[in-house]
Amino acid sequence: MVDSVREFPHRDLWNEKNESVDMTDAANNPPLAGKTAVVAAGGKNLGGLISTSLAALGADVAVHYNSPASRDDAEETRRAIEESGARAILVQGDLTRPENAARLFDEAIDAFGGVDIAINTVGKVLRKPIIDTSEDEYDSMFDVNAKAAYFFLREAGRRLNDDGTVITIVTSLLAAFTDGYSTYAGAKSPVEHFTRSAAKEFGDRGISVNNIAPGPMDTPFFYPQETPERVEFHKSQAKGNRLTRIEDIAPIATFLCTDGRWITGQTLFANGGYTTR
């Protein structure tokens, strides 16, 4: 978990009136103070770090988790948010059911009065040859990675305050030429089109909509899909001979919610050079 210390390296900025802005008191006026975030799968791993990072910048956070099995992790994230001085609620639900996405936003609005930031870190990974993939596996991968993302975007467009931010976590495999991940990369690829459409449709309200595409991440979701030899290969494709870490990705999410809000309709590949496009 991140701590609640807030550092702002840029002391001399300019506001919209072209006046110098002194950031020396930024620790007392965090950039997301008064804002509210919804983080899908926000209780652990990357989602948990994004949740606590947003809270460290002043945002209140609705932390979503999928099932009772991840409740303890979500509770730990809530405690960390509250220790940083922000407010948090927990919302459980299977986001492959659109009514649960709607309820997630409803509960956030009921608790905090509105939603300014919506970040979806939900994902499911499968590495399997096409000829061995069952219909049930195909359906499950597209339900989690595409359908849930679509209806999360829909609810964000309906419920977000003007000048809000929407982010979906996808994958750098969108730019890879590789085997085994047909249903994973295939189910994430529609999200790029969803995001571009949403950025156009929500843009009149000042809402930015983007994707972040991490490289293979050093999380418990990655290792069951790969042999030790393939793990080493994935490491060798990025600078520093390592996998992407959640600490590499969370700052990009907070940037898009603050200074990076002019960026919209984009997929940002953050992978240490693992792939380019």
C-alpha atoms as a PDB file:
ATOM      1  CA  MET A   1       0.000   0.000   0.000  1.00  0.00           C
ATOM      2  CA  VAL A   2       1.114   3.540  -0.592  1.00  0.00           C
ATOM      3  CA  ASP A   3       1.413   5.940   2.281  1.00  0.00           C
ATOM      4  CA  SER A   4      -0.404   9.224   2.577  1.00  0.00           C
ATOM      5  CA  VAL A   5       2.611  11.470   1.977  1.00  0.00           C
ATOM      6  CA  ARG A   6       1.933  13.680  -1.012  1.00  0.00           C
ATOM      7  CA  GLU A   7       4.829  15.122  -2.973  1.00  0.00           C
ATOM      8  CA  PHE A   8       4.502  17.554  -5.835  1.00  0.00           C
ATOM      9  CA  PRO A   9       7.789  18.198  -7.662  1.00  0.00           C
ATOM     10  CA  HIS A  10       6.584  21.050  -9.896  1.00  0.00           C
ATOM     11  CA  ARG A  11       6.558  24.226  -7.838  1.00  0.00           C
ATOM     12  CA  ASP A  12       5.878  26.717 -10.611  1.00  0.00           C
ATOM     13  CA  LEU A  13       2.839  25.953 -12.731  1.00  0.00           C
ATOM     14  CA  TRP A  14       0.375  28.129 -14.605  1.00  0.00           C
ATOM     15  CA  ASN A  15      -3.349  28.127 -14.181  1.00  0.00           C
ATOM     16  CA  GLU A  16      -5.948  28.848 -16.854  1.00  0.00           C
ATOM     17  CA  LYS A  17      -5.683  32.589 -16.195  1.00  0.00           C
ATOM     18  CA  ASN A  18      -1.946  32.459 -16.955  1.00  0.00           C
ATOM     19  CA  GLU A  19      -1.106  33.217 -13.345  1.00  0.00           C
ATOM     20  CA  SER A  20       1.726  31.507 -11.527  1.00  0.00           C
ATOM     21  CA  VAL A  21       0.469  28.793  -9.183  1.00  0.00           C
ATOM     22  CA  ASP A  22       2.539  28.082  -6.079  1.00  0.00           C
ATOM     23  CA  MET A  23       2.420  24.356  -5.341  1.00  0.00           C
ATOM     24  CA  THR A  24       4.250  24.524  -2.021  1.00  0.00           C
ATOM     25  CA  ASP A  25       0.970  24.044  -0.140  1.00  0.00           C
ATOM     26  CA  ALA A  26      -0.200  21.214  -2.410  1.00  0.00           C
ATOM     27  CA  ALA A  27       0.136  18.696   0.411  1.00  0.00           C
ATOM     28  CA  ASN A  28      -2.646  20.587   2.169  1.00  0.00           C
ATOM     29  CA  ASN A  29      -4.658  20.948  -1.035  1.00  0.00           C
ATOM     30  CA  PRO A  30      -4.372  17.589  -2.790  1.00  0.00           C
ATOM     31  CA  PRO A  31      -5.374  17.588  -6.467  1.00  0.00           C
ATOM     32  CA  LEU A  32      -8.268  15.151  -6.054  1.00  0.00           C
ATOM     33  CA  ALA A  33      -9.720  16.655  -2.883  1.00  0.00           C
ATOM     34  CA  GLY A  34     -13.504  16.633  -3.122  1.00  0.00           C
ATOM     35  CA  LYS A  35     -13.451  14.043  -5.916  1.00  0.00           C
ATOM     36  CA  THR A  36     -14.876  10.540  -5.840  1.00  0.00           C
ATOM     37  CA  ALA A  37     -13.587   7.456  -7.625  1.00  0.00           C
ATOM     38  CA  VAL A  38     -15.051   4.067  -8.450  1.00  0.00           C
ATOM     39  CA  VAL A  39     -12.390   1.372  -8.909  1.00  0.00           C
ATOM     40  CA  ALA A  40     -13.593  -1.953 -10.293  1.00  0.00           C
ATOM     41  CA  ALA A  41     -11.562  -4.836  -8.875  1.00  0.00           C
ATOM     42  CA  GLY A  42     -10.095  -2.183  -6.616  1.00  0.00           C
ATOM     43  CA  GLY A  43      -9.429  -4.316  -3.581  1.00  0.00           C
ATOM     44  CA  LYS A  44      -6.051  -5.894  -4.370  1.00  0.00           C
ATOM     45  CA  ASN A  45      -3.083  -6.052  -6.730  1.00  0.00           C
ATOM     46  CA  LEU A  46      -3.115  -3.227  -9.293  1.00  0.00           C
ATOM     47  CA  GLY A  47      -6.654  -2.181  -8.431  1.00  0.00           C
ATOM     48  CA  GLY A  48      -5.781  -1.952  -4.759  1.00  0.00           C
ATOM     49  CA  LEU A  49      -2.750   0.215  -5.428  1.00  0.00           C
ATOM     50  CA  ILE A  50      -4.764   2.500  -7.713  1.00  0.00           C
ATOM     51  CA  SER A  51      -7.428   2.821  -5.013  1.00  0.00           C
ATOM     52  CA  THR A  52      -4.945   3.836  -2.327  1.00  0.00           C
ATOM     53  CA  SER A  53      -3.033   6.096  -4.736  1.00  0.00           C
ATOM     54  CA  LEU A  54      -6.199   8.021  -5.573  1.00  0.00           C
ATOM     55  CA  ALA A  55      -6.979   8.314  -1.869  1.00  0.00           C
ATOM     56  CA  ALA A  56      -3.481   9.672  -1.206  1.00  0.00           C
ATOM     57  CA  LEU A  57      -4.321  12.452  -3.681  1.00  0.00           C
ATOM     58  CA  GLY A  58      -7.507  13.269  -1.798  1.00  0.00           C
ATOM     59  CA  ALA A  59     -10.221  11.207  -3.515  1.00  0.00           C
ATOM     60  CA  ASP A  60     -12.893   9.195  -1.759  1.00  0.00           C
ATOM     61  CA  VAL A  61     -13.074   5.699  -3.236  1.00  0.00           C
ATOM     62  CA  ALA A  62     -15.742   3.085  -3.860  1.00  0.00           C
ATOM     63  CA  VAL A  63     -13.745  -0.141  -3.852  1.00  0.00           C
ATOM     64  CA  HIS A  64     -15.333  -2.913  -5.878  1.00  0.00           C
ATOM     65  CA  TYR A  65     -14.507  -6.571  -5.359  1.00  0.00           C
ATOM     66  CA  ASN A  66     -15.927  -9.569  -7.177  1.00  0.00           C
ATOM     67  CA  SER A  67     -16.593 -12.291  -4.621  1.00  0.00           C
ATOM     68  CA  PRO A  68     -16.467 -13.091  -0.909  1.00  0.00           C
ATOM     69  CA  ALA A  69     -13.051 -14.681  -1.487  1.00  0.00           C
ATOM     70  CA  SER A  70     -11.533 -11.238  -2.055  1.00  0.00           C
ATOM     71  CA  ARG A  71     -13.384  -9.492   0.771  1.00  0.00           C
ATOM     72  CA  ASP A  72     -10.422  -9.537   3.172  1.00  0.00           C
ATOM     73  CA  ASP A  73      -8.157  -7.849   0.622  1.00  0.00           C
ATOM     74  CA  ALA A  74     -10.815  -5.240  -0.043  1.00  0.00           C
ATOM     75  CA  GLU A  75     -11.164  -4.574   3.675  1.00  0.00           C
ATOM     76  CA  GLU A  76      -7.404  -4.049   3.934  1.00  0.00           C
ATOM     77  CA  THR A  77      -7.556  -1.557   1.077  1.00  0.00           C
ATOM     78  CA  ARG A  78     -10.434   0.273   2.724  1.00  0.00           C
ATOM     79  CA  ARG A  79      -8.470   0.581   5.961  1.00  0.00           C
ATOM     80  CA  ALA A  80      -5.479   1.988   4.065  1.00  0.00           C
ATOM     81  CA  ILE A  81      -7.706   4.548   2.337  1.00  0.00           C
ATOM     82  CA  GLU A  82      -9.248   5.655   5.596  1.00  0.00           C
ATOM     83  CA  GLU A  83      -5.837   5.880   7.268  1.00  0.00           C
ATOM     84  CA  SER A  84      -4.797   8.312   4.523  1.00  0.00           C
ATOM     85  CA  GLY A  85      -7.708  10.578   5.482  1.00  0.00           C
ATOM     86  CA  ALA A  86     -10.091   9.733   2.647  1.00  0.00           C
ATOM     87  CA  ARG A  87     -13.430   7.919   2.786  1.00  0.00           C
ATOM     88  CA  ALA A  88     -14.111   4.479   1.343  1.00  0.00           C
ATOM     89  CA  ILE A  89     -16.949   2.044   0.795  1.00  0.00           C
ATOM     90  CA  LEU A  90     -16.875  -1.564  -0.390  1.00  0.00           C
ATOM     91  CA  VAL A  91     -19.194  -2.855  -3.112  1.00  0.00           C
ATOM     92  CA  GLN A  92     -19.292  -6.531  -4.077  1.00  0.00           C
ATOM     93  CA  GLY A  93     -20.635  -7.777  -7.381  1.00  0.00           C
ATOM     94  CA  ASP A  94     -20.076  -9.758 -10.565  1.00  0.00           C
ATOM     95  CA  LEU A  95     -19.625  -7.057 -13.209  1.00  0.00           C
ATOM     96  CA  THR A  96     -20.405  -9.423 -16.064  1.00  0.00           C
ATOM     97  CA  ARG A  97     -23.999  -8.689 -15.021  1.00  0.00           C
ATOM     98  CA  PRO A  98     -24.805  -5.117 -16.104  1.00  0.00           C
ATOM     99  CA  GLU A  99     -27.149  -4.527 -13.178  1.00  0.00           C
ATOM    100  CA  ASN A 100     -24.175  -4.921 -10.829  1.00  0.00           C
ATOM    101  CA  ALA A 101     -22.232  -2.248 -12.693  1.00  0.00           C
ATOM    102  CA  ALA A 102     -25.222   0.067 -12.282  1.00  0.00           C
ATOM    103  CA  ARG A 103     -25.451  -0.759  -8.567  1.00  0.00           C
ATOM    104  CA  LEU A 104     -21.736  -0.020  -8.105  1.00  0.00           C
ATOM    105  CA  PHE A 105     -22.239   3.531  -9.348  1.00  0.00           C
ATOM    106  CA  ASP A 106     -25.506   3.869  -7.421  1.00  0.00           C
ATOM    107  CA  GLU A 107     -23.813   2.986  -4.142  1.00  0.00           C
ATOM    108  CA  ALA A 108     -20.916   5.345  -4.803  1.00  0.00           C
ATOM    109  CA  ILE A 109     -23.302   8.215  -5.532  1.00  0.00           C
ATOM    110  CA  ASP A 110     -25.417   7.400  -2.480  1.00  0.00           C
ATOM    111  CA  ALA A 111     -22.306   7.419  -0.267  1.00  0.00           C
ATOM    112  CA  PHE A 112     -20.411  10.373  -1.731  1.00  0.00           C
ATOM    113  CA  GLY A 113     -22.881  12.427  -3.742  1.00  0.00           C
ATOM    114  CA  GLY A 114     -21.346  11.831  -7.175  1.00  0.00           C
ATOM    115  CA  VAL A 115     -18.590  10.122  -9.152  1.00  0.00           C
ATOM    116  CA  ASP A 116     -15.726  11.889 -10.931  1.00  0.00           C
ATOM    117  CA  ILE A 117     -13.358   9.018 -11.740  1.00  0.00           C
ATOM    118  CA  ALA A 118     -14.158   5.500 -12.951  1.00  0.00           C
ATOM    119  CA  ILE A 119     -11.347   2.964 -13.337  1.00  0.00           C
ATOM    120  CA  ASN A 120     -11.895  -0.618 -14.435  1.00  0.00           C
ATOM    121  CA  THR A 121      -9.088  -3.046 -13.611  1.00  0.00           C
ATOM    122  CA  VAL A 122     -11.223  -6.185 -14.044  1.00  0.00           C
ATOM    123  CA  GLY A 123      -9.607  -8.916 -16.118  1.00  0.00           C
ATOM    124  CA  LYS A 124      -9.253 -12.638 -16.593  1.00  0.00           C
ATOM    125  CA  VAL A 125      -6.254 -14.352 -18.197  1.00  0.00           C
ATOM    126  CA  LEU A 126      -6.158 -17.613 -20.119  1.00  0.00           C
ATOM    127  CA  ARG A 127      -3.260 -19.014 -22.102  1.00  0.00           C
ATOM    128  CA  LYS A 128      -4.502 -21.907 -24.231  1.00  0.00           C
ATOM    129  CA  PRO A 129      -4.262 -22.980 -27.865  1.00  0.00           C
ATOM    130  CA  ILE A 130      -7.274 -22.171 -30.021  1.00  0.00           C
ATOM    131  CA  ILE A 131      -7.848 -25.839 -30.866  1.00  0.00           C
ATOM    132  CA  ASP A 132      -8.131 -26.701 -27.150  1.00  0.00           C
ATOM    133  CA  THR A 133     -10.385 -23.799 -26.090  1.00  0.00           C
ATOM    134  CA  SER A 134     -13.926 -24.669 -25.093  1.00  0.00           C
ATOM    135  CA  GLU A 135     -17.029 -22.598 -25.736  1.00  0.00           C
ATOM    136  CA  ASP A 136     -17.437 -22.039 -22.002  1.00  0.00           C
ATOM    137  CA  GLU A 137     -13.876 -20.703 -21.746  1.00  0.00           C
ATOM    138  CA  TYR A 138     -14.444 -18.418 -24.725  1.00  0.00           C
ATOM    139  CA  ASP A 139     -17.701 -17.091 -23.260  1.00  0.00           C
ATOM    140  CA  SER A 140     -16.157 -16.518 -19.838  1.00  0.00           C
ATOM    141  CA  MET A 141     -13.171 -14.637 -21.245  1.00  0.00           C
ATOM    142  CA  PHE A 142     -15.342 -12.316 -23.330  1.00  0.00           C
ATOM    143  CA  ASP A 143     -17.825 -11.818 -20.480  1.00  0.00           C
ATOM    144  CA  VAL A 144     -15.092 -10.641 -18.096  1.00  0.00           C
ATOM    145  CA  ASN A 145     -12.785  -8.768 -20.456  1.00  0.00           C
ATOM    146  CA  ALA A 146     -15.210  -7.259 -22.994  1.00  0.00           C
ATOM    147  CA  LYS A 147     -18.807  -7.337 -21.753  1.00  0.00           C
ATOM    148  CA  ALA A 148     -18.002  -6.138 -18.227  1.00  0.00           C
ATOM    149  CA  ALA A 149     -15.799  -3.378 -19.668  1.00  0.00           C
ATOM    150  CA  TYR A 150     -18.557  -2.221 -22.020  1.00  0.00           C
ATOM    151  CA  PHE A 151     -21.248  -1.924 -19.389  1.00  0.00           C
ATOM    152  CA  PHE A 152     -18.852  -0.314 -16.925  1.00  0.00           C
ATOM    153  CA  LEU A 153     -18.207   2.335 -19.615  1.00  0.00           C
ATOM    154  CA  ARG A 154     -21.927   2.680 -20.178  1.00  0.00           C
ATOM    155  CA  GLU A 155     -22.603   3.355 -16.516  1.00  0.00           C
ATOM    156  CA  ALA A 156     -19.654   5.740 -16.305  1.00  0.00           C
ATOM    157  CA  GLY A 157     -21.075   7.711 -19.247  1.00  0.00           C
ATOM    158  CA  ARG A 158     -24.481   7.848 -17.620  1.00  0.00           C
ATOM    159  CA  ARG A 159     -23.383   8.685 -14.103  1.00  0.00           C
ATOM    160  CA  LEU A 160     -20.035  10.527 -14.143  1.00  0.00           C
ATOM    161  CA  ASN A 161     -19.890  14.202 -13.295  1.00  0.00           C
ATOM    162  CA  ASP A 162     -18.792  16.538 -16.074  1.00  0.00           C
ATOM    163  CA  ASP A 163     -15.014  16.795 -16.537  1.00  0.00           C
ATOM    164  CA  GLY A 164     -14.574  13.270 -15.240  1.00  0.00           C
ATOM    165  CA  THR A 165     -12.066  10.546 -16.089  1.00  0.00           C
ATOM    166  CA  VAL A 166     -12.590   6.966 -17.242  1.00  0.00           C
ATOM    167  CA  ILE A 167      -9.760   4.417 -17.498  1.00  0.00           C
ATOM    168  CA  THR A 168      -9.782   0.753 -18.486  1.00  0.00           C
ATOM    169  CA  ILE A 169      -6.837  -1.574 -17.962  1.00  0.00           C
ATOM    170  CA  VAL A 170      -6.204  -3.661 -21.069  1.00  0.00           C
ATOM    171  CA  THR A 171      -2.989  -5.455 -22.119  1.00  0.00           C
ATOM    172  CA  SER A 172       0.159  -4.880 -24.150  1.00  0.00           C
ATOM    173  CA  LEU A 173      -0.603  -8.153 -25.922  1.00  0.00           C
ATOM    174  CA  LEU A 174      -2.828  -5.996 -28.134  1.00  0.00           C
ATOM    175  CA  ALA A 175       0.420  -5.097 -29.920  1.00  0.00           C
ATOM    176  CA  ALA A 176       2.009  -8.553 -29.763  1.00  0.00           C
ATOM    177  CA  PHE A 177       2.306 -11.294 -32.379  1.00  0.00           C
ATOM    178  CA  THR A 178       2.180 -14.348 -30.159  1.00  0.00           C
ATOM    179  CA  ASP A 179       0.443 -17.633 -29.543  1.00  0.00           C
ATOM    180  CA  GLY A 180      -1.753 -18.868 -26.738  1.00  0.00           C
ATOM    181  CA  TYR A 181      -3.561 -15.693 -25.755  1.00  0.00           C
ATOM    182  CA  SER A 182      -6.257 -15.637 -28.430  1.00  0.00           C
ATOM    183  CA  THR A 183      -9.153 -15.275 -25.989  1.00  0.00           C
ATOM    184  CA  TYR A 184      -7.344 -12.904 -23.610  1.00  0.00           C
ATOM    185  CA  ALA A 185      -5.962 -10.405 -26.118  1.00  0.00           C
ATOM    186  CA  GLY A 186      -8.959 -11.072 -28.354  1.00  0.00           C
ATOM    187  CA  ALA A 187     -11.410 -10.175 -25.596  1.00  0.00           C
ATOM    188  CA  LYS A 188      -9.445  -7.074 -24.615  1.00  0.00           C
ATOM    189  CA  SER A 189      -9.168  -5.757 -28.180  1.00  0.00           C
ATOM    190  CA  PRO A 190     -12.819  -4.575 -28.453  1.00  0.00           C
ATOM    191  CA  VAL A 191     -12.198  -2.304 -25.472  1.00  0.00           C
ATOM    192  CA  GLU A 192     -10.058  -0.055 -27.685  1.00  0.00           C
ATOM    193  CA  HIS A 193     -13.076   0.526 -29.924  1.00  0.00           C
ATOM    194  CA  PHE A 194     -15.387   0.974 -26.931  1.00  0.00           C
ATOM    195  CA  THR A 195     -12.976   3.566 -25.552  1.00  0.00           C
ATOM    196  CA  ARG A 196     -12.672   5.543 -28.760  1.00  0.00           C
ATOM    197  CA  SER A 197     -16.454   5.688 -29.116  1.00  0.00           C
ATOM    198  CA  ALA A 198     -16.906   6.673 -25.477  1.00  0.00           C
ATOM    199  CA  ALA A 199     -14.264   9.394 -25.753  1.00  0.00           C
ATOM    200  CA  LYS A 200     -16.195  10.930 -28.657  1.00  0.00           C
ATOM    201  CA  GLU A 201     -19.618  10.463 -27.091  1.00  0.00           C
ATOM    202  CA  PHE A 202     -18.667  11.771 -23.628  1.00  0.00           C
ATOM    203  CA  GLY A 203     -16.280  14.474 -24.828  1.00  0.00           C
ATOM    204  CA  ASP A 204     -18.861  17.248 -24.953  1.00  0.00           C
ATOM    205  CA  ARG A 205     -19.101  16.907 -21.162  1.00  0.00           C
ATOM    206  CA  GLY A 206     -15.344  17.180 -20.718  1.00  0.00           C
ATOM    207  CA  ILE A 207     -14.935  13.500 -19.819  1.00  0.00           C
ATOM    208  CA  SER A 208     -11.655  11.851 -20.847  1.00  0.00           C
ATOM    209  CA  VAL A 209     -11.669   8.135 -21.655  1.00  0.00           C
ATOM    210  CA  ASN A 210      -8.484   6.083 -22.049  1.00  0.00           C
ATOM    211  CA  ASN A 211      -6.937   2.643 -21.741  1.00  0.00           C
ATOM    212  CA  ILE A 212      -3.674   1.652 -20.080  1.00  0.00           C
ATOM    213  CA  ALA A 213      -1.984  -1.430 -21.576  1.00  0.00           C
ATOM    214  CA  PRO A 214       0.558  -2.911 -19.131  1.00  0.00           C
ATOM    215  CA  GLY A 215       3.110  -5.501 -20.096  1.00  0.00           C
ATOM    216  CA  PRO A 216       3.009  -8.917 -18.411  1.00  0.00           C
ATOM    217  CA  MET A 217       2.648  -8.013 -14.757  1.00  0.00           C
ATOM    218  CA  ASP A 218       4.328  -9.456 -11.720  1.00  0.00           C
ATOM    219  CA  THR A 219       1.066 -10.481 -10.048  1.00  0.00           C
ATOM    220  CA  PRO A 220      -0.506 -13.803  -9.016  1.00  0.00           C
ATOM    221  CA  PHE A 221      -2.640 -13.760 -12.186  1.00  0.00           C
ATOM    222  CA  PHE A 222       0.345 -14.106 -14.501  1.00  0.00           C
ATOM    223  CA  TYR A 223       2.402 -17.023 -13.243  1.00  0.00           C
ATOM    224  CA  PRO A 224      -0.177 -19.859 -13.499  1.00  0.00           C
ATOM    225  CA  GLN A 225      -0.382 -19.213 -17.258  1.00  0.00           C
ATOM    226  CA  GLU A 226       3.339 -19.570 -17.966  1.00  0.00           C
ATOM    227  CA  THR A 227       6.255 -21.964 -17.574  1.00  0.00           C
ATOM    228  CA  PRO A 228       9.384 -20.724 -15.780  1.00  0.00           C
ATOM    229  CA  GLU A 229      11.155 -20.578 -19.144  1.00  0.00           C
ATOM    230  CA  ARG A 230       8.461 -18.380 -20.660  1.00  0.00           C
ATOM    231  CA  VAL A 231       8.489 -16.105 -17.619  1.00  0.00           C
ATOM    232  CA  GLU A 232      12.176 -15.518 -18.245  1.00  0.00           C
ATOM    233  CA  PHE A 233      11.465 -14.841 -21.917  1.00  0.00           C
ATOM    234  CA  HIS A 234       8.815 -12.239 -21.057  1.00  0.00           C
ATOM    235  CA  LYS A 235      11.274 -10.568 -18.688  1.00  0.00           C
ATOM    236  CA  SER A 236      13.935 -10.471 -21.393  1.00  0.00           C
ATOM    237  CA  GLN A 237      11.683  -8.466 -23.713  1.00  0.00           C
ATOM    238  CA  ALA A 238      11.473  -5.416 -21.425  1.00  0.00           C
ATOM    239  CA  LYS A 239      14.141  -3.038 -20.226  1.00  0.00           C
ATOM    240  CA  GLY A 240      15.802  -4.042 -17.005  1.00  0.00           C
ATOM    241  CA  ASN A 241      15.025  -7.699 -17.749  1.00  0.00           C
ATOM    242  CA  ARG A 242      11.910  -7.669 -15.601  1.00  0.00           C
ATOM    243  CA  LEU A 243       8.140  -7.852 -15.701  1.00  0.00           C
ATOM    244  CA  THR A 244       5.880  -4.845 -15.380  1.00  0.00           C
ATOM    245  CA  ARG A 245       5.072  -4.033 -11.758  1.00  0.00           C
ATOM    246  CA  ILE A 246       1.865  -2.568 -10.423  1.00  0.00           C
ATOM    247  CA  GLU A 247       3.968   0.361  -9.178  1.00  0.00           C
ATOM    248  CA  ASP A 248       4.765   1.133 -12.833  1.00  0.00           C
ATOM    249  CA  ILE A 249       1.089   1.460 -13.749  1.00  0.00           C
ATOM    250  CA  ALA A 250      -0.662   3.168 -10.826  1.00  0.00           C
ATOM    251  CA  PRO A 251       1.148   6.520 -11.382  1.00  0.00           C
ATOM    252  CA  ILE A 252      -0.056   6.553 -14.994  1.00  0.00           C
ATOM    253  CA  ALA A 253      -3.625   6.150 -13.792  1.00  0.00           C
ATOM    254  CA  THR A 254      -3.296   9.020 -11.315  1.00  0.00           C
ATOM    255  CA  PHE A 255      -1.648  11.172 -14.001  1.00  0.00           C
ATOM    256  CA  LEU A 256      -4.612  10.632 -16.323  1.00  0.00           C
ATOM    257  CA  CYS A 257      -6.901  11.724 -13.476  1.00  0.00           C
ATOM    258  CA  THR A 258      -4.933  14.925 -12.821  1.00  0.00           C
ATOM    259  CA  ASP A 259      -2.434  16.618 -15.135  1.00  0.00           C
ATOM    260  CA  GLY A 260      -3.108  14.222 -18.015  1.00  0.00           C
ATOM    261  CA  ARG A 261      -6.783  14.905 -18.551  1.00  0.00           C
ATOM    262  CA  TRP A 262      -6.234  16.406 -22.025  1.00  0.00           C
ATOM    263  CA  ILE A 263      -5.369  12.883 -23.194  1.00  0.00           C
ATOM    264  CA  THR A 264      -8.472  11.036 -24.409  1.00  0.00           C
ATOM    265  CA  GLY A 265      -9.404   8.195 -26.732  1.00  0.00           C
ATOM    266  CA  GLN A 266      -5.967   6.607 -26.373  1.00  0.00           C
ATOM    267  CA  THR A 267      -4.379   3.325 -25.381  1.00  0.00           C
ATOM    268  CA  LEU A 268      -1.157   3.988 -23.451  1.00  0.00           C
ATOM    269  CA  PHE A 269       1.308   1.102 -23.716  1.00  0.00           C
ATOM    270  CA  ALA A 270       3.318   0.948 -20.479  1.00  0.00           C
ATOM    271  CA  ASN A 271       5.550  -2.082 -20.681  1.00  0.00           C
ATOM    272  CA  GLY A 272       9.236  -1.159 -20.619  1.00  0.00           C
ATOM    273  CA  GLY A 273       9.508  -1.757 -24.349  1.00  0.00           C
ATOM    274  CA  TYR A 274       7.924  -5.218 -24.295  1.00  0.00           C
ATOM    275  CA  THR A 275       5.855  -4.233 -27.330  1.00  0.00           C
ATOM    276  CA  THR A 276       5.393  -1.052 -29.345  1.00  0.00           C
ATOM    277  CA  ARG A 277       2.752   0.142 -31.743  1.00  0.00           C
END
